[in-house]
Amino acid sequence: MKWHIPDCYWHSRSCGVFPSHEAVCVLNTNSVAATVNMTLYFEDRDKIGGYSVVVEPERTLHIRLDKLVSKDGVAIPQDTPYAMLIECDHEIAVQYTRVDTSQPAMALMTTMV
């Protein structure tokens, strides 16, 4: 299974108590664990892979992208537009959310993919 999220962006600036961040929320309704792999694509550099998580059977997992690092220890860059390819070995539900607190009026954007 594959999902594409073409409009990702993690702003480095935050106002107030809530940090700007992104999240990928996954729902695994299967009776087996699901391995989720993520690859990032950029306008001006090579792709970065190696982001992987396991979602246990009949569970949900909220993956905070500001806390995620690849198997090589690479964090997702801030202030950089990117796209994400999500691949999973089982059918799951995927939701992408961006919280932008770079200005006093916080913005929230979410979409099912």
N, C-alpha and C. Protein backbone atom coordinates (compact mmCIF):
# COMPACT_ATOMS: atom_id res chain seq x y z
N MET A 1 0.86 -1.17 0.00
CA MET A 1 0.00 0.00 0.00
C MET A 1 0.90 1.24 0.00
N LYS A 2 0.47 2.27 -0.77
CA LYS A 2 1.23 3.51 -0.86
C LYS A 2 0.31 4.71 -0.71
N TRP A 3 0.83 5.73 -0.06
CA TRP A 3 0.14 7.01 0.08
C TRP A 3 1.15 8.10 -0.22
N HIS A 4 0.69 9.19 -0.85
CA HIS A 4 1.56 10.32 -1.19
C HIS A 4 1.02 11.57 -0.51
N ILE A 5 1.92 12.31 0.12
CA ILE A 5 1.57 13.60 0.71
C ILE A 5 2.50 14.63 0.07
N PRO A 6 2.03 15.39 -0.91
CA PRO A 6 2.92 16.28 -1.65
C PRO A 6 3.23 17.61 -0.97
N ASP A 7 2.45 18.03 0.02
CA ASP A 7 2.64 19.36 0.61
C ASP A 7 2.98 19.26 2.09
N CYS A 8 4.25 19.01 2.39
CA CYS A 8 4.71 18.94 3.78
C CYS A 8 5.63 20.12 4.06
N TYR A 9 5.58 20.62 5.29
CA TYR A 9 6.43 21.75 5.68
C TYR A 9 6.38 21.89 7.20
N TRP A 10 7.55 21.88 7.81
CA TRP A 10 7.66 22.03 9.27
C TRP A 10 8.35 23.35 9.56
N HIS A 11 7.58 24.31 10.04
CA HIS A 11 8.08 25.66 10.31
C HIS A 11 8.91 25.67 11.59
N SER A 12 10.03 26.38 11.57
CA SER A 12 10.91 26.44 12.75
C SER A 12 10.41 27.44 13.78
N ARG A 13 9.57 28.36 13.39
CA ARG A 13 9.12 29.40 14.30
C ARG A 13 7.83 28.98 14.99
N SER A 14 7.76 29.22 16.29
CA SER A 14 6.54 28.94 17.05
C SER A 14 6.27 30.10 18.00
N CYS A 15 5.02 30.46 18.13
CA CYS A 15 4.59 31.50 19.07
C CYS A 15 3.72 30.84 20.13
N GLY A 16 3.94 31.21 21.36
CA GLY A 16 3.10 30.66 22.43
C GLY A 16 3.57 29.31 22.90
N VAL A 17 2.65 28.56 23.49
CA VAL A 17 2.99 27.28 24.11
C VAL A 17 3.05 26.10 23.15
N PHE A 18 2.35 26.19 22.04
CA PHE A 18 2.27 25.04 21.12
C PHE A 18 3.33 25.15 20.03
N PRO A 19 4.21 24.15 19.91
CA PRO A 19 5.23 24.20 18.86
C PRO A 19 4.64 23.85 17.50
N SER A 20 5.16 24.50 16.46
CA SER A 20 4.79 24.10 15.10
C SER A 20 5.26 22.68 14.88
N HIS A 21 4.43 21.86 14.27
CA HIS A 21 4.82 20.47 14.00
C HIS A 21 3.87 19.85 12.97
N GLU A 22 4.26 18.67 12.52
CA GLU A 22 3.44 17.86 11.64
C GLU A 22 3.26 16.51 12.31
N ALA A 23 2.23 15.79 11.89
CA ALA A 23 2.02 14.44 12.40
C ALA A 23 1.39 13.59 11.31
N VAL A 24 1.76 12.32 11.31
CA VAL A 24 1.09 11.33 10.48
C VAL A 24 0.42 10.37 11.45
N CYS A 25 -0.89 10.31 11.40
CA CYS A 25 -1.65 9.43 12.29
C CYS A 25 -2.06 8.19 11.51
N VAL A 26 -1.81 7.04 12.10
CA VAL A 26 -2.05 5.77 11.42
C VAL A 26 -3.01 4.93 12.26
N LEU A 27 -3.97 4.32 11.59
CA LEU A 27 -4.89 3.39 12.23
C LEU A 27 -4.69 2.02 11.61
N ASN A 28 -4.31 1.06 12.42
CA ASN A 28 -4.12 -0.31 11.97
C ASN A 28 -5.25 -1.16 12.55
N THR A 29 -6.23 -1.50 11.74
CA THR A 29 -7.35 -2.34 12.19
C THR A 29 -7.10 -3.82 11.94
N ASN A 30 -5.92 -4.14 11.44
CA ASN A 30 -5.56 -5.53 11.14
C ASN A 30 -5.25 -6.31 12.42
N SER A 31 -5.23 -7.62 12.31
CA SER A 31 -4.89 -8.47 13.46
C SER A 31 -3.39 -8.75 13.55
N VAL A 32 -2.61 -8.10 12.68
CA VAL A 32 -1.15 -8.21 12.69
C VAL A 32 -0.53 -6.83 12.68
N ALA A 33 0.71 -6.73 13.15
CA ALA A 33 1.42 -5.46 13.15
C ALA A 33 1.67 -4.98 11.73
N ALA A 34 1.70 -3.68 11.54
CA ALA A 34 1.95 -3.07 10.24
C ALA A 34 3.23 -2.24 10.31
N THR A 35 4.13 -2.45 9.36
CA THR A 35 5.37 -1.67 9.29
C THR A 35 5.16 -0.53 8.30
N VAL A 36 5.37 0.69 8.77
CA VAL A 36 5.17 1.89 7.96
C VAL A 36 6.54 2.48 7.65
N ASN A 37 6.85 2.65 6.36
CA ASN A 37 8.10 3.25 5.92
C ASN A 37 7.82 4.57 5.23
N MET A 38 8.64 5.58 5.52
CA MET A 38 8.46 6.91 4.94
C MET A 38 9.72 7.35 4.21
N THR A 39 9.53 7.94 3.03
CA THR A 39 10.61 8.51 2.24
C THR A 39 10.26 9.95 1.94
N LEU A 40 11.22 10.86 2.12
CA LEU A 40 11.01 12.29 1.88
C LEU A 40 11.62 12.69 0.55
N TYR A 41 10.93 13.54 -0.20
CA TYR A 41 11.40 14.06 -1.48
C TYR A 41 11.47 15.58 -1.41
N PHE A 42 12.50 16.15 -2.02
CA PHE A 42 12.76 17.59 -1.93
C PHE A 42 12.88 18.23 -3.31
N GLU A 43 12.77 19.55 -3.36
CA GLU A 43 12.93 20.29 -4.60
C GLU A 43 14.39 20.38 -5.03
N ASP A 44 15.30 20.42 -4.07
CA ASP A 44 16.69 20.78 -4.37
C ASP A 44 17.74 19.80 -3.85
N ARG A 45 17.33 18.61 -3.44
CA ARG A 45 18.29 17.63 -2.92
C ARG A 45 17.74 16.23 -3.09
N ASP A 46 18.60 15.26 -2.84
CA ASP A 46 18.20 13.86 -2.98
C ASP A 46 17.19 13.47 -1.91
N LYS A 47 16.43 12.45 -2.21
CA LYS A 47 15.44 11.96 -1.26
C LYS A 47 16.15 11.37 -0.03
N ILE A 48 15.40 11.30 1.08
CA ILE A 48 15.89 10.69 2.32
C ILE A 48 14.91 9.60 2.72
N GLY A 49 15.41 8.41 2.95
CA GLY A 49 14.59 7.30 3.41
C GLY A 49 15.03 6.85 4.79
N GLY A 50 14.53 5.71 5.19
CA GLY A 50 14.94 5.15 6.46
C GLY A 50 14.10 5.54 7.66
N TYR A 51 12.96 6.19 7.41
CA TYR A 51 12.03 6.51 8.49
C TYR A 51 11.04 5.35 8.58
N SER A 52 10.99 4.69 9.71
CA SER A 52 10.16 3.50 9.82
C SER A 52 9.58 3.38 11.22
N VAL A 53 8.32 2.96 11.30
CA VAL A 53 7.67 2.69 12.58
C VAL A 53 6.81 1.44 12.44
N VAL A 54 6.51 0.81 13.55
CA VAL A 54 5.61 -0.34 13.58
C VAL A 54 4.36 0.06 14.34
N VAL A 55 3.21 -0.22 13.74
CA VAL A 55 1.93 0.04 14.38
C VAL A 55 1.36 -1.32 14.78
N GLU A 56 1.17 -1.50 16.05
CA GLU A 56 0.71 -2.78 16.58
C GLU A 56 -0.70 -3.10 16.09
N PRO A 57 -1.09 -4.38 16.14
CA PRO A 57 -2.43 -4.77 15.66
C PRO A 57 -3.54 -4.05 16.42
N GLU A 58 -4.55 -3.64 15.66
CA GLU A 58 -5.74 -2.99 16.21
C GLU A 58 -5.39 -1.81 17.11
N ARG A 59 -4.41 -1.02 16.65
CA ARG A 59 -3.96 0.16 17.40
C ARG A 59 -3.83 1.35 16.46
N THR A 60 -3.70 2.53 17.06
CA THR A 60 -3.40 3.75 16.34
C THR A 60 -2.05 4.26 16.81
N LEU A 61 -1.38 5.01 15.96
CA LEU A 61 -0.10 5.61 16.33
C LEU A 61 -0.04 7.01 15.74
N HIS A 62 0.25 7.98 16.58
CA HIS A 62 0.38 9.37 16.15
C HIS A 62 1.87 9.67 16.07
N ILE A 63 2.38 9.76 14.85
CA ILE A 63 3.80 9.92 14.60
C ILE A 63 4.11 11.41 14.49
N ARG A 64 4.69 11.99 15.51
CA ARG A 64 5.10 13.40 15.48
C ARG A 64 6.36 13.50 14.63
N LEU A 65 6.25 14.16 13.49
CA LEU A 65 7.37 14.22 12.57
C LEU A 65 8.52 15.07 13.09
N ASP A 66 8.25 15.98 14.02
CA ASP A 66 9.33 16.78 14.61
C ASP A 66 10.17 15.95 15.58
N LYS A 67 9.72 14.76 15.92
CA LYS A 67 10.46 13.89 16.84
C LYS A 67 11.00 12.64 16.13
N LEU A 68 10.69 12.49 14.85
CA LEU A 68 11.08 11.31 14.10
C LEU A 68 12.49 11.46 13.53
N VAL A 69 13.29 10.42 13.63
CA VAL A 69 14.61 10.39 13.00
C VAL A 69 14.73 9.10 12.19
N SER A 70 15.53 9.17 11.15
CA SER A 70 15.72 8.00 10.29
C SER A 70 16.64 7.00 10.98
N LYS A 71 16.80 5.84 10.36
CA LYS A 71 17.70 4.83 10.92
C LYS A 71 19.14 5.34 10.96
N ASP A 72 19.46 6.37 10.15
CA ASP A 72 20.79 6.97 10.14
C ASP A 72 20.88 8.19 11.06
N GLY A 73 19.82 8.46 11.82
CA GLY A 73 19.82 9.58 12.76
C GLY A 73 19.50 10.93 12.13
N VAL A 74 18.91 10.94 10.94
CA VAL A 74 18.60 12.19 10.25
C VAL A 74 17.19 12.65 10.62
N ALA A 75 17.09 13.86 11.16
CA ALA A 75 15.78 14.44 11.49
C ALA A 75 15.19 15.09 10.24
N ILE A 76 13.89 15.29 10.25
CA ILE A 76 13.23 15.99 9.15
C ILE A 76 13.61 17.47 9.22
N PRO A 77 14.07 18.05 8.10
CA PRO A 77 14.54 19.45 8.15
C PRO A 77 13.39 20.43 8.30
N GLN A 78 13.67 21.51 9.02
CA GLN A 78 12.68 22.58 9.18
C GLN A 78 12.82 23.59 8.06
N ASP A 79 11.75 24.37 7.86
CA ASP A 79 11.72 25.45 6.87
C ASP A 79 12.08 24.98 5.47
N THR A 80 11.70 23.76 5.14
CA THR A 80 12.03 23.16 3.84
C THR A 80 10.80 22.45 3.29
N PRO A 81 10.30 22.87 2.14
CA PRO A 81 9.19 22.14 1.53
C PRO A 81 9.64 20.73 1.14
N TYR A 82 8.78 19.77 1.37
CA TYR A 82 9.08 18.40 0.97
C TYR A 82 7.78 17.64 0.74
N ALA A 83 7.92 16.49 0.12
CA ALA A 83 6.80 15.57 -0.09
C ALA A 83 7.15 14.26 0.58
N MET A 84 6.13 13.48 0.90
CA MET A 84 6.36 12.22 1.61
C MET A 84 5.65 11.07 0.90
N LEU A 85 6.39 9.99 0.77
CA LEU A 85 5.83 8.73 0.31
C LEU A 85 5.74 7.81 1.52
N ILE A 86 4.55 7.30 1.78
CA ILE A 86 4.34 6.36 2.89
C ILE A 86 4.02 5.01 2.28
N GLU A 87 4.74 3.99 2.71
CA GLU A 87 4.51 2.63 2.23
C GLU A 87 4.29 1.72 3.44
N CYS A 88 3.37 0.80 3.29
CA CYS A 88 3.04 -0.10 4.39
C CYS A 88 2.79 -1.50 3.86
N ASP A 89 3.13 -2.48 4.67
CA ASP A 89 2.94 -3.87 4.25
C ASP A 89 1.51 -4.37 4.45
N HIS A 90 0.65 -3.57 5.06
CA HIS A 90 -0.76 -3.92 5.26
C HIS A 90 -1.62 -2.68 5.01
N GLU A 91 -2.90 -2.91 4.77
CA GLU A 91 -3.81 -1.78 4.58
C GLU A 91 -4.04 -1.07 5.92
N ILE A 92 -3.84 0.24 5.90
CA ILE A 92 -4.03 1.07 7.09
C ILE A 92 -4.72 2.36 6.66
N ALA A 93 -5.20 3.12 7.63
CA ALA A 93 -5.72 4.46 7.36
C ALA A 93 -4.63 5.46 7.75
N VAL A 94 -4.46 6.51 6.92
CA VAL A 94 -3.41 7.51 7.14
C VAL A 94 -4.03 8.90 7.14
N GLN A 95 -3.65 9.71 8.12
CA GLN A 95 -4.08 11.11 8.19
C GLN A 95 -2.86 11.98 8.44
N TYR A 96 -2.74 13.08 7.68
CA TYR A 96 -1.63 14.01 7.83
C TYR A 96 -2.16 15.30 8.45
N THR A 97 -1.43 15.84 9.44
CA THR A 97 -1.83 17.08 10.09
C THR A 97 -0.63 18.00 10.22
N ARG A 98 -0.86 19.29 9.95
CA ARG A 98 0.18 20.31 10.16
C ARG A 98 -0.37 21.35 11.14
N VAL A 99 0.39 21.62 12.19
CA VAL A 99 0.07 22.68 13.14
C VAL A 99 1.10 23.78 12.93
N ASP A 100 0.65 24.95 12.46
CA ASP A 100 1.55 26.07 12.19
C ASP A 100 1.29 27.16 13.22
N THR A 101 2.22 27.32 14.14
CA THR A 101 2.09 28.35 15.17
C THR A 101 3.14 29.45 14.95
N SER A 102 3.53 29.67 13.70
CA SER A 102 4.54 30.68 13.40
C SER A 102 4.01 32.10 13.59
N GLN A 103 2.70 32.24 13.67
CA GLN A 103 2.07 33.53 13.92
C GLN A 103 1.15 33.38 15.12
N PRO A 104 0.78 34.49 15.78
CA PRO A 104 -0.09 34.39 16.96
C PRO A 104 -1.41 33.66 16.70
N ALA A 105 -1.97 33.81 15.49
CA ALA A 105 -3.20 33.09 15.14
C ALA A 105 -2.81 31.72 14.60
N MET A 106 -2.87 30.71 15.45
CA MET A 106 -2.45 29.35 15.09
C MET A 106 -3.30 28.80 13.95
N ALA A 107 -2.65 28.03 13.06
CA ALA A 107 -3.37 27.39 11.95
C ALA A 107 -3.23 25.88 12.08
N LEU A 108 -4.30 25.17 11.75
CA LEU A 108 -4.31 23.72 11.76
C LEU A 108 -4.83 23.24 10.41
N MET A 109 -4.09 22.32 9.79
CA MET A 109 -4.50 21.75 8.52
C MET A 109 -4.39 20.25 8.64
N THR A 110 -5.43 19.55 8.21
CA THR A 110 -5.39 18.08 8.27
C THR A 110 -6.10 17.51 7.05
N THR A 111 -5.67 16.33 6.64
CA THR A 111 -6.27 15.67 5.49
C THR A 111 -6.12 14.16 5.62
N MET A 112 -7.10 13.46 5.11
CA MET A 112 -7.02 12.00 5.01
C MET A 112 -6.36 11.69 3.68
N VAL A 113 -5.45 10.72 3.68
CA VAL A 113 -4.79 10.35 2.43
C VAL A 113 -5.06 8.90 2.09
